[in-house]
Amino acid sequence: MAPVRYGTGELAISSVDLASDGFGIPWGHTRSYASRLSGNAHVGNGYNWQAEQWPYLVLREDGSIVVMGTAHGALWFDPVAGGYEAGFGLKSLLTHDSSTNSYTLVDLDGTATSFDALTGRFYRRASPSGETTEVLAAASNGLYPWKVRRWYVAGATLTTEEYLYEYQSAAGGNLLLQRVTLRRRVDSGYWNNVARAQYTYYDGTDSRGGVSDLQTVTTQVWAASQWQDTGTSLYRYYRELPAGSSSSSPPAGADVHLLKYVVNPAAYERLAADPNVPDPLTASDWMVSQYADFYFEYDDDRRVTRESVNGGSQTYEFSYSESAHADAYNAWKHKTVETLPDGNENVVYSNYAGQTMLSVFKSGSDQWCEFWKYNDEGQVILHANPSAVSGYDEQYADLLHEVSGNFEYLQDSDGLIETFEYHAASGYVTAEKIQQGETGTAIKLREFEYTFCP
């Protein structure tokens, strides 16, 4: 499956370098990359890569706040009287404490994440049961973590884990993560190494990557009193946009930091074993393409137009268009056509928020359509399966042409339709129902009651 967001054409790819869970608050180091951030972002792990466990706040001039941490999962909050309101139907809560000059983000499960209001950096996460993960010390720039500690109690045993971060200096006075190490101890015993990940970056002296672009990630485990490699990933980038870039393109000579090749550990091992490759890091692009898990091409708006996988054995093509409809949750804004290796197509219509309204699979003259309708909060209130959708028409904003509560392209008495109801104040789901066709009798499938709704 292509790691391309249909609603935006953005490349969205992620990788887990370290992880520890099972007890306490899960932690680790999970990277995510996006090709269409509002600007090329450098937050310590290479341009346009973000770390899920390094969430941070962006305080905008208009008073809104964006919670970053995953490159394709930002949370938006707008200022309202007495606090902040989540956008796009989110139910997370963001509050400000003037006494500590901090912000706290509370997820639906009760997990609370605290941020420094001055710098926006994360410094603590607490579970509803009281377990915590805390930044004990920050790096020299005061923004990135240097030591993070988590602990949990099982029976009478206290287990403590630490993530230790080491950095190298980068251009412009920035820091780049060089190594992150996980170590563990039980009760008051000795610290024991567990696993680590090491990172290298391009210095901009060749065509394979710009300054501070992430080059390799090598994971290791501690075994037999030494570090042993468990795999290496390799990344290569475009340094310039294609010819004919739009006026919003960076100035000549500026790196665009767009991923070109992704070589995951198994493919890297095969590349390194090729007798014609003395060094995978200096191998030609042609040679790398024979092994790469992913290869990407982009248009001037940094949307993916071509994706080749598994050493180029399969290729996906993408094209994009937009409508002139006004922004609304039930008005299509973006159309993406994905041509599959076998010539079949996925056609996806999305609203201005990137939510899918209609997904069409086309094979020859046959097509299967799946449809979603949203309420004013961006929540799904109707989902029509292909058996219920008879067609669609792009001239209509909602695609299925709803008039006086009736859709022209929904079958009246055939096909599976699901509907959803919500608690007015909190937005939590209160009921799920199914029916046969648009005019069929709704059958309650599930009903939810809450002891507390904020």
Protein backbone atom coordinates (compact mmCIF):
# COMPACT_ATOMS: atom_id res chain seq x y z
CA MET A 1 0.00 0.00 0.00
CA ALA A 2 1.35 3.41 -0.99
CA PRO A 3 2.42 5.68 1.92
CA VAL A 4 0.73 8.62 0.19
CA ARG A 5 -2.09 10.63 1.75
CA TYR A 6 -4.87 10.72 -0.82
CA GLY A 7 -6.29 14.00 0.46
CA THR A 8 -3.05 15.96 -0.02
CA GLY A 9 -0.67 13.87 -2.12
CA GLU A 10 1.79 14.07 0.74
CA LEU A 11 4.34 11.36 1.40
CA ALA A 12 3.82 10.10 4.96
CA ILE A 13 6.29 7.45 6.07
CA SER A 14 7.40 6.33 9.53
CA SER A 15 9.83 3.98 11.24
CA VAL A 16 10.28 2.66 14.79
CA ASP A 17 13.93 2.73 15.88
CA LEU A 18 13.49 1.91 19.58
CA ALA A 19 10.47 0.88 21.61
CA SER A 20 9.66 -0.23 25.15
CA ASP A 21 6.15 -0.95 26.36
CA GLY A 22 4.32 -3.75 28.14
CA PHE A 23 4.18 -1.79 31.40
CA GLY A 24 3.91 1.89 32.15
CA ILE A 25 3.66 4.56 29.46
CA PRO A 26 5.03 3.21 26.17
CA TRP A 27 8.12 5.05 24.95
CA GLY A 28 10.75 4.79 22.28
CA HIS A 29 11.95 6.65 19.22
CA THR A 30 9.56 6.67 16.27
CA ARG A 31 10.40 8.85 13.28
CA SER A 32 7.91 10.16 10.72
CA TYR A 33 8.54 12.05 7.49
CA ALA A 34 6.20 14.29 5.50
CA SER A 35 6.90 16.00 2.19
CA ARG A 36 4.40 18.86 2.50
CA LEU A 37 5.02 20.58 5.81
CA SER A 38 4.42 24.34 5.70
CA GLY A 39 8.20 24.73 5.58
CA ASN A 40 11.24 22.48 5.70
CA ALA A 41 11.47 21.66 9.41
CA HIS A 42 14.63 20.74 11.33
CA VAL A 43 13.85 19.41 14.81
CA GLY A 44 16.96 17.34 15.52
CA ASN A 45 16.56 14.19 13.41
CA GLY A 46 17.11 15.54 9.91
CA TYR A 47 14.96 17.80 7.76
CA ASN A 48 11.24 16.98 7.68
CA TRP A 49 11.68 14.06 10.09
CA GLN A 50 9.93 14.34 13.43
CA ALA A 51 10.06 12.15 16.50
CA GLU A 52 6.74 11.04 17.98
CA GLN A 53 8.28 11.02 21.48
CA TRP A 54 9.50 14.61 21.07
CA PRO A 55 6.17 16.46 20.87
CA TYR A 56 6.37 20.23 20.92
CA LEU A 57 4.09 23.23 20.63
CA VAL A 58 4.05 25.83 17.89
CA LEU A 59 2.51 29.06 19.17
CA ARG A 60 1.18 30.98 16.17
CA GLU A 61 0.76 34.73 15.85
CA ASP A 62 -3.03 34.43 15.63
CA GLY A 63 -3.09 32.79 19.08
CA SER A 64 -3.70 29.26 17.84
CA ILE A 65 -1.46 26.41 18.99
CA VAL A 66 -0.29 23.40 16.98
CA VAL A 67 0.93 20.23 18.71
CA MET A 68 3.63 18.64 16.56
CA GLY A 69 5.44 15.33 16.94
CA THR A 70 4.25 13.21 14.06
CA ALA A 71 4.84 14.68 10.62
CA HIS A 72 1.32 13.81 9.44
CA GLY A 73 -0.63 14.08 12.71
CA ALA A 74 -0.54 17.69 13.94
CA LEU A 75 -3.22 18.74 16.44
CA TRP A 76 -4.72 22.22 16.04
CA PHE A 77 -6.24 24.32 18.83
CA ASP A 78 -7.90 27.72 18.43
CA PRO A 79 -8.20 30.27 21.24
CA VAL A 80 -11.71 30.69 22.67
CA ALA A 81 -13.05 32.40 25.76
CA GLY A 82 -11.56 30.62 28.74
CA GLY A 83 -9.15 28.35 26.89
CA TYR A 84 -8.66 26.48 23.63
CA GLU A 85 -10.89 24.52 21.29
CA ALA A 86 -9.63 21.59 19.23
CA GLY A 87 -10.17 21.78 15.49
CA PHE A 88 -11.42 19.19 13.00
CA GLY A 89 -13.56 17.35 15.52
CA LEU A 90 -10.71 16.44 17.87
CA LYS A 91 -11.69 15.72 21.47
CA SER A 92 -8.32 16.23 23.13
CA LEU A 93 -8.12 19.08 25.66
CA LEU A 94 -5.43 21.76 25.87
CA THR A 95 -5.17 23.98 28.95
CA HIS A 96 -2.77 26.68 30.14
CA ASP A 97 -1.56 26.99 33.73
CA SER A 98 -0.26 30.51 34.37
CA SER A 99 1.18 29.55 37.77
CA THR A 100 3.64 27.11 36.19
CA ASN A 101 3.65 28.76 32.75
CA SER A 102 2.88 25.44 31.12
CA TYR A 103 0.39 23.82 28.78
CA THR A 104 -1.18 20.40 29.32
CA LEU A 105 -2.63 18.23 26.58
CA VAL A 106 -5.12 15.60 27.81
CA ASP A 107 -5.96 12.71 25.47
CA LEU A 108 -9.22 10.79 25.52
CA ASP A 109 -7.70 8.02 27.65
CA GLY A 110 -6.69 10.56 30.31
CA THR A 111 -2.98 10.66 29.48
CA ALA A 112 -1.65 14.15 30.24
CA THR A 113 1.34 15.63 28.38
CA SER A 114 2.94 18.80 29.73
CA PHE A 115 4.83 21.46 27.75
CA ASP A 116 6.87 24.48 28.74
CA ALA A 117 4.95 27.59 27.62
CA LEU A 118 8.09 29.59 26.86
CA THR A 119 9.86 27.12 24.57
CA GLY A 120 7.01 24.78 23.68
CA ARG A 121 9.11 21.73 24.57
CA PHE A 122 7.68 18.56 26.11
CA TYR A 123 8.82 17.74 29.65
CA ARG A 124 6.40 15.22 31.22
CA ARG A 125 3.73 12.63 30.38
CA ALA A 126 1.51 11.03 33.04
CA SER A 127 -0.96 8.16 32.72
CA PRO A 128 -4.34 8.18 34.51
CA SER A 129 -2.92 5.60 36.95
CA GLY A 130 -0.05 7.90 37.92
CA GLU A 131 2.84 6.40 35.93
CA THR A 132 5.09 9.07 34.47
CA THR A 133 7.68 9.59 31.79
CA GLU A 134 9.77 12.69 32.36
CA VAL A 135 12.55 14.68 30.72
CA LEU A 136 15.20 14.85 33.45
CA ALA A 137 17.61 17.00 31.44
CA ALA A 138 17.57 18.86 28.13
CA ALA A 139 20.23 19.15 25.44
CA SER A 140 22.44 22.22 25.20
CA ASN A 141 19.88 24.08 23.06
CA GLY A 142 17.27 23.72 25.79
CA LEU A 143 14.78 22.15 23.37
CA TYR A 144 15.65 18.52 22.72
CA PRO A 145 15.77 15.89 25.47
CA TRP A 146 19.08 14.64 26.84
CA LYS A 147 17.73 12.17 29.40
CA VAL A 148 14.20 10.75 29.62
CA ARG A 149 13.13 8.40 32.41
CA ARG A 150 10.09 6.13 32.71
CA TRP A 151 9.26 3.69 35.48
CA TYR A 152 6.62 1.21 36.48
CA VAL A 153 5.85 -1.13 39.37
CA ALA A 154 4.82 -4.76 38.87
CA GLY A 155 4.12 -6.52 42.12
CA ALA A 156 6.85 -5.37 44.47
CA THR A 157 9.38 -4.75 41.68
CA LEU A 158 10.30 -1.27 40.45
CA THR A 159 11.65 -1.15 36.90
CA THR A 160 13.26 2.05 35.65
CA GLU A 161 14.21 2.81 32.07
CA GLU A 162 16.22 5.71 30.69
CA TYR A 163 16.62 6.99 27.17
CA LEU A 164 19.94 8.79 26.76
CA TYR A 165 20.33 11.13 23.76
CA GLU A 166 23.63 12.25 22.26
CA TYR A 167 23.95 15.02 19.68
CA GLN A 168 26.35 16.44 17.15
CA SER A 169 26.63 20.03 16.00
CA ALA A 170 25.04 20.92 12.67
CA ALA A 171 24.98 23.86 10.29
CA GLY A 172 23.42 27.04 11.60
CA GLY A 173 24.07 26.11 15.22
CA ASN A 174 21.50 23.32 15.18
CA LEU A 175 21.89 19.97 16.90
CA LEU A 176 21.41 16.58 15.24
CA LEU A 177 20.63 13.40 17.12
CA GLN A 178 23.66 11.14 16.86
CA ARG A 179 22.62 8.30 19.15
CA VAL A 180 19.78 7.27 21.48
CA THR A 181 20.38 4.49 24.02
CA LEU A 182 17.86 2.57 26.10
CA ARG A 183 19.08 1.23 29.43
CA ARG A 184 17.18 -0.46 32.26
CA ARG A 185 17.55 -1.34 35.92
CA VAL A 186 15.44 -3.30 38.41
CA ASP A 187 14.94 -1.78 41.87
CA SER A 188 18.33 -0.36 42.95
CA GLY A 189 20.43 -2.66 40.79
CA TYR A 190 22.95 -1.79 38.08
CA TRP A 191 21.99 -0.13 34.82
CA ASN A 192 21.98 -2.56 31.90
CA ASN A 193 22.19 -1.57 28.26
CA VAL A 194 19.26 -2.82 26.17
CA ALA A 195 19.22 -1.27 22.69
CA ARG A 196 20.21 1.82 20.78
CA ALA A 197 19.95 3.57 17.42
CA GLN A 198 22.68 5.55 15.67
CA TYR A 199 22.21 8.23 13.01
CA THR A 200 24.32 9.77 10.26
CA TYR A 201 23.52 12.78 8.08
CA TYR A 202 24.53 14.27 4.76
CA ASP A 203 26.83 17.28 4.78
CA GLY A 204 25.64 18.64 1.44
CA THR A 205 28.81 17.87 -0.50
CA ASP A 206 27.21 15.38 -2.91
CA SER A 207 23.96 14.94 -4.82
CA ARG A 208 22.50 12.27 -2.53
CA GLY A 209 21.27 14.62 0.20
CA GLY A 210 21.32 18.17 1.44
CA VAL A 211 22.90 19.53 4.59
CA SER A 212 21.41 17.80 7.67
CA ASP A 213 19.29 15.33 5.70
CA LEU A 214 19.10 11.99 7.51
CA GLN A 215 21.33 9.44 5.75
CA THR A 216 21.42 6.20 7.76
CA VAL A 217 19.84 4.68 10.85
CA THR A 218 21.54 1.67 12.44
CA THR A 219 19.78 -0.19 15.25
CA GLN A 220 21.70 -2.31 17.77
CA VAL A 221 21.09 -4.54 20.78
CA TRP A 222 23.38 -5.26 23.73
CA ALA A 223 24.40 -8.93 23.65
CA ALA A 224 27.48 -10.82 24.83
CA SER A 225 28.80 -7.63 26.47
CA GLN A 226 28.88 -5.66 23.22
CA TRP A 227 26.68 -3.78 20.76
CA GLN A 228 25.53 -5.87 17.82
CA ASP A 229 23.91 -4.43 14.69
CA THR A 230 20.36 -5.50 13.91
CA GLY A 231 19.82 -3.49 10.75
CA THR A 232 20.60 -0.34 8.77
CA SER A 233 18.24 1.90 6.81
CA LEU A 234 19.47 4.22 4.05
CA TYR A 235 17.78 7.38 2.75
CA ARG A 236 18.50 9.51 -0.32
CA TYR A 237 16.94 12.82 -1.31
CA TYR A 238 16.29 15.24 -4.12
CA ARG A 239 18.16 18.47 -3.67
CA GLU A 240 16.15 20.47 -6.21
CA LEU A 241 12.55 20.53 -7.36
CA PRO A 242 11.84 19.52 -10.96
CA ALA A 243 12.26 22.14 -13.68
CA GLY A 244 9.36 24.55 -13.95
CA SER A 245 8.74 24.87 -10.24
CA SER A 246 6.07 27.25 -9.02
CA SER A 247 6.81 30.69 -7.60
CA SER A 248 6.55 29.23 -4.09
CA SER A 249 9.59 27.05 -4.73
CA PRO A 250 12.76 27.73 -2.74
CA PRO A 251 15.43 29.99 -4.25
CA ALA A 252 18.02 28.50 -6.57
CA GLY A 253 20.55 26.43 -4.66
CA ALA A 254 18.25 25.80 -1.69
CA ASP A 255 17.78 22.15 -0.75
CA VAL A 256 14.21 20.86 -0.95
CA HIS A 257 14.86 17.86 1.36
CA LEU A 258 12.49 15.52 -0.51
CA LEU A 259 12.90 11.77 -0.03
CA LYS A 260 13.95 9.93 -3.17
CA TYR A 261 14.97 6.42 -2.08
CA VAL A 262 14.15 4.45 1.06
CA VAL A 263 16.22 1.31 1.65
CA ASN A 264 15.05 -0.61 4.71
CA PRO A 265 17.29 -3.07 6.63
CA ALA A 266 16.59 -6.26 4.65
CA ALA A 267 17.10 -4.47 1.33
CA TYR A 268 20.20 -2.70 2.67
CA GLU A 269 21.71 -6.06 3.58
CA ARG A 270 21.15 -7.31 0.03
CA LEU A 271 22.60 -4.10 -1.41
CA ALA A 272 25.69 -4.38 0.79
CA ALA A 273 26.16 -8.02 -0.25
CA ASP A 274 26.16 -7.19 -3.98
CA PRO A 275 29.70 -7.84 -5.29
CA ASN A 276 29.38 -4.76 -7.50
CA VAL A 277 28.77 -2.50 -4.49
CA PRO A 278 31.93 -1.81 -2.47
CA ASP A 279 30.05 0.73 -0.29
CA PRO A 280 26.25 1.16 -0.19
CA LEU A 281 26.66 4.80 0.81
CA THR A 282 28.46 5.67 -2.44
CA ALA A 283 26.64 3.27 -4.76
CA SER A 284 25.04 4.86 -7.83
CA ASP A 285 21.36 5.73 -7.76
CA TRP A 286 20.80 3.13 -10.47
CA MET A 287 22.30 0.41 -8.28
CA VAL A 288 20.33 1.57 -5.22
CA SER A 289 17.13 1.55 -7.28
CA GLN A 290 17.50 -2.20 -7.83
CA TYR A 291 17.13 -2.79 -4.09
CA ALA A 292 15.18 0.20 -2.74
CA ASP A 293 11.92 -0.47 -0.92
CA PHE A 294 10.59 2.88 -2.16
CA TYR A 295 11.40 5.40 -4.87
CA PHE A 296 9.43 8.66 -5.21
CA GLU A 297 8.90 11.45 -7.73
CA TYR A 298 7.09 14.73 -7.00
CA ASP A 299 5.35 17.63 -8.68
CA ASP A 300 6.06 21.31 -8.03
CA ASP A 301 3.75 21.25 -5.01
CA ARG A 302 5.76 18.42 -3.40
CA ARG A 303 2.98 15.90 -4.01
CA VAL A 304 4.00 12.36 -4.92
CA THR A 305 3.41 11.63 -8.61
CA ARG A 306 5.18 8.28 -8.86
CA GLU A 307 6.06 5.59 -6.37
CA SER A 308 8.07 2.48 -7.20
CA VAL A 309 8.38 -0.33 -4.65
CA ASN A 310 10.41 -3.50 -4.14
CA GLY A 311 13.35 -2.61 -6.34
CA GLY A 312 11.17 -0.95 -8.96
CA SER A 313 9.14 -4.11 -9.62
CA GLN A 314 5.83 -2.25 -9.14
CA THR A 315 4.97 1.36 -9.90
CA TYR A 316 2.05 3.53 -8.77
CA GLU A 317 1.16 6.78 -10.54
CA PHE A 318 -0.70 9.70 -8.94
CA SER A 319 -2.52 12.66 -10.46
CA TYR A 320 -4.39 15.46 -8.71
CA SER A 321 -7.11 18.02 -9.35
CA GLU A 322 -9.26 20.37 -7.31
CA SER A 323 -12.82 21.65 -7.40
CA ALA A 324 -14.09 25.22 -7.04
CA HIS A 325 -16.55 24.23 -4.29
CA ALA A 326 -16.49 26.25 -1.08
CA ASP A 327 -14.73 24.65 1.87
CA ALA A 328 -17.08 22.37 3.81
CA TYR A 329 -16.95 18.90 5.32
CA ASN A 330 -19.44 17.61 2.72
CA ALA A 331 -17.99 19.34 -0.34
CA TRP A 332 -15.19 17.68 -2.26
CA LYS A 333 -12.05 19.78 -2.68
CA HIS A 334 -9.32 17.37 -3.74
CA LYS A 335 -9.41 14.51 -6.24
CA THR A 336 -6.60 11.97 -6.38
CA VAL A 337 -6.30 9.27 -9.03
CA GLU A 338 -3.93 6.42 -8.17
CA THR A 339 -3.10 4.12 -11.08
CA LEU A 340 -2.10 0.70 -9.78
CA PRO A 341 0.57 -1.55 -11.31
CA ASP A 342 -2.14 -3.67 -12.98
CA GLY A 343 -3.79 -0.63 -14.58
CA ASN A 344 -6.74 -0.48 -12.19
CA GLU A 345 -7.44 2.80 -10.42
CA ASN A 346 -8.27 4.15 -6.98
CA VAL A 347 -10.08 7.48 -7.26
CA VAL A 348 -10.43 9.35 -3.97
CA TYR A 349 -12.39 12.56 -3.34
CA SER A 350 -11.55 14.44 -0.14
CA ASN A 351 -12.91 17.53 1.59
CA TYR A 352 -10.84 20.59 2.46
CA ALA A 353 -9.73 18.92 5.72
CA GLY A 354 -8.36 15.91 3.84
CA GLN A 355 -11.14 13.55 4.96
CA THR A 356 -12.29 11.00 2.40
CA MET A 357 -15.81 11.58 1.06
CA LEU A 358 -15.84 9.05 -1.77
CA SER A 359 -13.47 6.21 -2.64
CA VAL A 360 -13.90 4.54 -6.04
CA PHE A 361 -12.10 1.42 -7.19
CA LYS A 362 -12.17 1.12 -11.00
CA SER A 363 -11.39 -2.03 -12.97
CA GLY A 364 -12.18 -1.72 -16.64
CA SER A 365 -15.82 -0.66 -16.97
CA ASP A 366 -16.65 -1.81 -13.43
CA GLN A 367 -16.48 0.38 -10.34
CA TRP A 368 -17.14 0.06 -6.61
CA CYS A 369 -17.94 3.23 -4.65
CA GLU A 370 -17.74 3.84 -0.89
CA PHE A 371 -19.18 7.04 0.59
CA TRP A 372 -18.93 9.03 3.85
CA LYS A 373 -21.02 11.95 5.13
CA TYR A 374 -19.94 14.25 8.00
CA ASN A 375 -21.64 16.53 10.52
CA ASP A 376 -20.65 20.13 11.23
CA GLU A 377 -17.88 18.93 13.57
CA GLY A 378 -16.25 16.77 10.91
CA GLN A 379 -17.49 13.52 12.45
CA VAL A 380 -18.76 10.65 10.30
CA ILE A 381 -22.54 10.34 10.52
CA LEU A 382 -23.13 8.06 7.51
CA HIS A 383 -21.04 5.43 5.78
CA ALA A 384 -22.40 3.77 2.64
CA ASN A 385 -20.78 0.56 1.46
CA PRO A 386 -20.37 -0.17 -2.27
CA SER A 387 -23.56 -2.28 -2.27
CA ALA A 388 -25.56 0.87 -1.48
CA VAL A 389 -23.90 3.37 -3.85
CA SER A 390 -25.20 3.42 -7.43
CA GLY A 391 -22.88 6.11 -8.81
CA TYR A 392 -21.77 9.72 -8.37
CA ASP A 393 -21.39 13.00 -10.24
CA GLU A 394 -18.47 15.42 -9.79
CA GLN A 395 -20.62 18.47 -10.56
CA TYR A 396 -22.26 18.11 -7.15
CA ALA A 397 -20.30 19.23 -4.12
CA ASP A 398 -21.41 16.18 -2.12
CA LEU A 399 -20.93 13.89 -5.17
CA LEU A 400 -24.10 11.86 -4.47
CA HIS A 401 -26.49 14.83 -4.87
CA GLU A 402 -28.49 15.14 -1.68
CA VAL A 403 -31.83 16.97 -2.06
CA SER A 404 -34.19 17.36 0.92
CA GLY A 405 -32.40 14.59 2.81
CA ASN A 406 -32.41 12.11 -0.08
CA PHE A 407 -29.35 11.13 -2.12
CA GLU A 408 -29.81 10.54 -5.83
CA TYR A 409 -26.96 8.00 -5.91
CA LEU A 410 -27.84 6.00 -2.80
CA GLN A 411 -30.08 3.02 -3.37
CA ASP A 412 -33.37 3.26 -1.48
CA SER A 413 -33.77 -0.36 -0.41
CA ASP A 414 -30.50 -2.13 -1.21
CA GLY A 415 -27.00 -2.11 0.24
CA LEU A 416 -25.43 -1.71 3.67
CA ILE A 417 -25.49 1.75 5.24
CA GLU A 418 -24.08 2.57 8.68
CA THR A 419 -25.05 5.65 10.69
CA PHE A 420 -23.57 7.19 13.83
CA GLU A 421 -24.91 9.44 16.61
CA TYR A 422 -22.93 11.58 19.05
CA HIS A 423 -23.25 13.15 22.49
CA ALA A 424 -23.90 16.85 21.80
CA ALA A 425 -21.61 18.34 24.46
CA SER A 426 -18.62 16.01 24.26
CA GLY A 427 -18.87 14.67 20.72
CA TYR A 428 -18.47 11.08 21.94
CA VAL A 429 -20.24 8.35 19.94
CA THR A 430 -23.54 7.33 21.53
CA ALA A 431 -24.97 4.92 18.93
CA GLU A 432 -24.07 2.93 15.83
CA LYS A 433 -26.85 1.73 13.54
CA ILE A 434 -27.16 -0.22 10.27
CA GLN A 435 -29.86 -0.26 7.63
CA GLN A 436 -30.61 -1.75 4.21
CA GLY A 437 -30.65 1.09 1.72
CA GLU A 438 -31.27 4.77 2.33
CA THR A 439 -34.93 4.34 3.29
CA GLY A 440 -34.45 1.11 5.24
CA THR A 441 -35.29 0.80 8.92
CA ALA A 442 -32.34 1.63 11.16
CA ILE A 443 -31.28 -1.23 13.44
CA LYS A 444 -29.32 -0.32 16.56
CA LEU A 445 -26.00 -2.16 16.53
CA ARG A 446 -24.31 -0.58 19.54
CA GLU A 447 -25.19 2.01 22.15
CA PHE A 448 -22.75 3.77 24.45
CA GLU A 449 -23.29 5.41 27.83
CA TYR A 450 -20.64 7.38 29.66
CA THR A 451 -20.19 7.99 33.36
CA PHE A 452 -18.69 11.37 32.52
CA CYS A 453 -18.65 13.49 29.37
CA PRO A 454 -16.65 16.74 29.48
